[in-house]
Amino acid sequence: MSEKFHWTSPSGVEIILPNMDKIPGGLLRKNRKLDPVDMMFSIVEAICDDTMLAKLDELPMSDLNKLFEAWQESSESVGESSGSSI
C-alpha cells in the first residue's frame, strides 16, 4: 500500500501528500477547533515541505477544493473491512 496520496491538477501540477490516515493525531487535536478551511491549511503547512507548499500556492481555489475533497475521500476507503462494523 502506498504511504502517499498522489493528485494531479487539470493543469498538470502533481501534488503528493501523506495519506490522511498517516496524519498524526496530535496535529488533528491541536487544530480541532479551527474552521474546516483553517484546519486543512494548518495541516498542510505542518506536513509539506517548501516545494510542495509552493505548488499548492499556485493552484486556483477550484483546484484546491478538488484536491482536498479527493484527499479526504481517499482516506474513507483506507483500512475499512467488512468485519469492522458492529
C-alpha atoms as a PDB file:
ATOM      1  CA  MET A   1       0.000   0.000   0.000  1.00  0.00           C
ATOM      2  CA  SER A   2       1.277   3.461  -0.843  1.00  0.00           C
ATOM      3  CA  GLU A   3       2.132   5.760   2.028  1.00  0.00           C
ATOM      4  CA  LYS A   4       1.371   8.803  -0.110  1.00  0.00           C
ATOM      5  CA  PHE A   5      -1.656  10.365  -1.772  1.00  0.00           C
ATOM      6  CA  HIS A   6      -0.956  11.490  -5.351  1.00  0.00           C
ATOM      7  CA  TRP A   7      -3.140  14.014  -7.167  1.00  0.00           C
ATOM      8  CA  THR A   8      -2.610  15.891 -10.427  1.00  0.00           C
ATOM      9  CA  SER A   9      -4.400  19.151 -11.171  1.00  0.00           C
ATOM     10  CA  PRO A  10      -6.108  19.742 -14.508  1.00  0.00           C
ATOM     11  CA  SER A  11      -3.110  21.915 -15.474  1.00  0.00           C
ATOM     12  CA  GLY A  12      -0.670  19.084 -14.685  1.00  0.00           C
ATOM     13  CA  VAL A  13       0.636  20.109 -11.244  1.00  0.00           C
ATOM     14  CA  GLU A  14       1.413  16.962  -9.228  1.00  0.00           C
ATOM     15  CA  ILE A  15       0.675  17.136  -5.518  1.00  0.00           C
ATOM     16  CA  ILE A  16       1.947  14.443  -3.159  1.00  0.00           C
ATOM     17  CA  LEU A  17       0.675  14.334   0.425  1.00  0.00           C
ATOM     18  CA  PRO A  18       0.774  11.720   3.158  1.00  0.00           C
ATOM     19  CA  ASN A  19      -2.349   9.594   3.244  1.00  0.00           C
ATOM     20  CA  MET A  20      -4.902  11.129   5.604  1.00  0.00           C
ATOM     21  CA  ASP A  21      -4.691   8.088   7.863  1.00  0.00           C
ATOM     22  CA  LYS A  22      -0.980   8.854   8.406  1.00  0.00           C
ATOM     23  CA  ILE A  23      -1.604  12.360   9.815  1.00  0.00           C
ATOM     24  CA  PRO A  24      -0.510  12.398  13.483  1.00  0.00           C
ATOM     25  CA  GLY A  25      -3.400  12.557  15.942  1.00  0.00           C
ATOM     26  CA  GLY A  26      -1.744  15.392  17.829  1.00  0.00           C
ATOM     27  CA  LEU A  27      -1.831  17.588  14.732  1.00  0.00           C
ATOM     28  CA  LEU A  28      -5.561  16.990  14.406  1.00  0.00           C
ATOM     29  CA  ARG A  29      -6.091  17.611  18.109  1.00  0.00           C
ATOM     30  CA  LYS A  30      -4.188  20.910  18.055  1.00  0.00           C
ATOM     31  CA  ASN A  31      -6.279  22.186  15.149  1.00  0.00           C
ATOM     32  CA  ARG A  32      -9.668  20.672  16.063  1.00  0.00           C
ATOM     33  CA  LYS A  33     -11.316  23.993  16.990  1.00  0.00           C
ATOM     34  CA  LEU A  34     -10.425  25.732  13.740  1.00  0.00           C
ATOM     35  CA  ASP A  35     -12.938  26.116  10.963  1.00  0.00           C
ATOM     36  CA  PRO A  36     -12.502  23.470   8.224  1.00  0.00           C
ATOM     37  CA  VAL A  37     -10.542  25.696   5.831  1.00  0.00           C
ATOM     38  CA  ASP A  38      -8.090  26.846   8.523  1.00  0.00           C
ATOM     39  CA  MET A  39      -7.720  23.276   9.722  1.00  0.00           C
ATOM     40  CA  MET A  40      -6.864  21.951   6.257  1.00  0.00           C
ATOM     41  CA  PHE A  41      -4.281  24.663   5.630  1.00  0.00           C
ATOM     42  CA  SER A  42      -2.778  24.249   9.112  1.00  0.00           C
ATOM     43  CA  ILE A  43      -2.354  20.538   8.488  1.00  0.00           C
ATOM     44  CA  VAL A  44      -0.912  21.072   5.013  1.00  0.00           C
ATOM     45  CA  GLU A  45       1.551  23.674   6.309  1.00  0.00           C
ATOM     46  CA  ALA A  46       2.688  21.260   9.023  1.00  0.00           C
ATOM     47  CA  ILE A  47       3.218  18.245   6.749  1.00  0.00           C
ATOM     48  CA  CYS A  48       4.506  19.748   3.478  1.00  0.00           C
ATOM     49  CA  ASP A  49       7.956  20.933   2.570  1.00  0.00           C
ATOM     50  CA  ASP A  50       8.522  24.328   0.923  1.00  0.00           C
ATOM     51  CA  THR A  51       8.488  22.852  -2.581  1.00  0.00           C
ATOM     52  CA  MET A  52       5.084  21.245  -2.131  1.00  0.00           C
ATOM     53  CA  LEU A  53       3.697  24.368  -0.442  1.00  0.00           C
ATOM     54  CA  ALA A  54       4.847  26.436  -3.434  1.00  0.00           C
ATOM     55  CA  LYS A  55       2.957  24.077  -5.772  1.00  0.00           C
ATOM     56  CA  LEU A  56      -0.164  24.349  -3.607  1.00  0.00           C
ATOM     57  CA  ASP A  57       0.116  28.142  -3.559  1.00  0.00           C
ATOM     58  CA  GLU A  58      -0.058  28.208  -7.362  1.00  0.00           C
ATOM     59  CA  LEU A  59      -3.306  26.240  -7.569  1.00  0.00           C
ATOM     60  CA  PRO A  60      -6.546  28.157  -8.112  1.00  0.00           C
ATOM     61  CA  MET A  61      -9.165  27.729  -5.402  1.00  0.00           C
ATOM     62  CA  SER A  62     -11.264  25.431  -7.603  1.00  0.00           C
ATOM     63  CA  ASP A  63      -8.340  23.005  -7.869  1.00  0.00           C
ATOM     64  CA  LEU A  64      -7.585  23.253  -4.145  1.00  0.00           C
ATOM     65  CA  ASN A  65     -11.193  22.286  -3.425  1.00  0.00           C
ATOM     66  CA  LYS A  66     -10.898  19.272  -5.748  1.00  0.00           C
ATOM     67  CA  LEU A  67      -7.589  18.286  -4.138  1.00  0.00           C
ATOM     68  CA  PHE A  68      -8.901  18.491  -0.575  1.00  0.00           C
ATOM     69  CA  GLU A  69     -12.079  16.588  -1.479  1.00  0.00           C
ATOM     70  CA  ALA A  70     -10.120  13.814  -3.186  1.00  0.00           C
ATOM     71  CA  TRP A  71      -7.641  13.641  -0.280  1.00  0.00           C
ATOM     72  CA  GLN A  72     -10.434  13.288   2.273  1.00  0.00           C
ATOM     73  CA  GLU A  73     -12.361  10.768   0.155  1.00  0.00           C
ATOM     74  CA  SER A  74      -9.240   8.638  -0.293  1.00  0.00           C
ATOM     75  CA  SER A  75      -8.986   8.128   3.460  1.00  0.00           C
ATOM     76  CA  GLU A  76     -12.569   6.880   3.724  1.00  0.00           C
ATOM     77  CA  SER A  77     -11.707   3.673   1.898  1.00  0.00           C
ATOM     78  CA  VAL A  78      -8.353   3.067   3.609  1.00  0.00           C
ATOM     79  CA  GLY A  79      -8.376   0.370   6.250  1.00  0.00           C
ATOM     80  CA  GLU A  80     -12.077  -0.444   6.070  1.00  0.00           C
ATOM     81  CA  SER A  81     -13.123  -4.034   6.285  1.00  0.00           C
ATOM     82  CA  SER A  82     -16.415  -5.871   6.408  1.00  0.00           C
ATOM     83  CA  GLY A  83     -15.619  -7.099   9.900  1.00  0.00           C
ATOM     84  CA  SER A  84     -15.054  -3.661  11.365  1.00  0.00           C
ATOM     85  CA  SER A  85     -18.689  -2.696  11.764  1.00  0.00           C
ATOM     86  CA  ILE A  86     -20.834  -3.840  14.645  1.00  0.00           C
END
